[in-house]
Amino acid sequence: MGLQEPEVRNSLLQSDPGNLDYFNVVLRAFDNDDIGLLDPESEQLKGVRCFRFYLSHLVSWIKVDPSPLPDPFRELILAPNCPLQIIEQRFAGSQEQRLMLKLGLADRERRRTKC
């Protein structure tokens, strides 16, 4: 997480989420929980830098940018005393499914040529 790592670590250790424009978290869940793990990756949500973490069928975006998240993401951030909102997505046909298939085929080919 780069320069923000110490700040995120302290926030987690102190159980202090900060204000709503601090390190926002948005969640997405696939309709299939039979999903493997992928490495975290950096990406931009409408120009705001975030890290995407894959936690089985849950995906979390953590904002690491000083800019606030724009709508519609701003309406979905985890916040105290607010309802939990999770974006639902079909796994079939998603970019994650295509990536996992590609990684699985590459791993199978690597093992086949290794023997």
Foldseek 3Di string as FASTA:
>chain_A
DPPCVVVVVVCVVVVNPDDLLAWWKAKAFAPDQQADFDDWDWDDDVNFIWIWGDDRRMIMTITPGNDGHDPPRSVQTDDPPDDHDYHYDYPVPDPRVVVVVVVVVVVVVVVVVVD
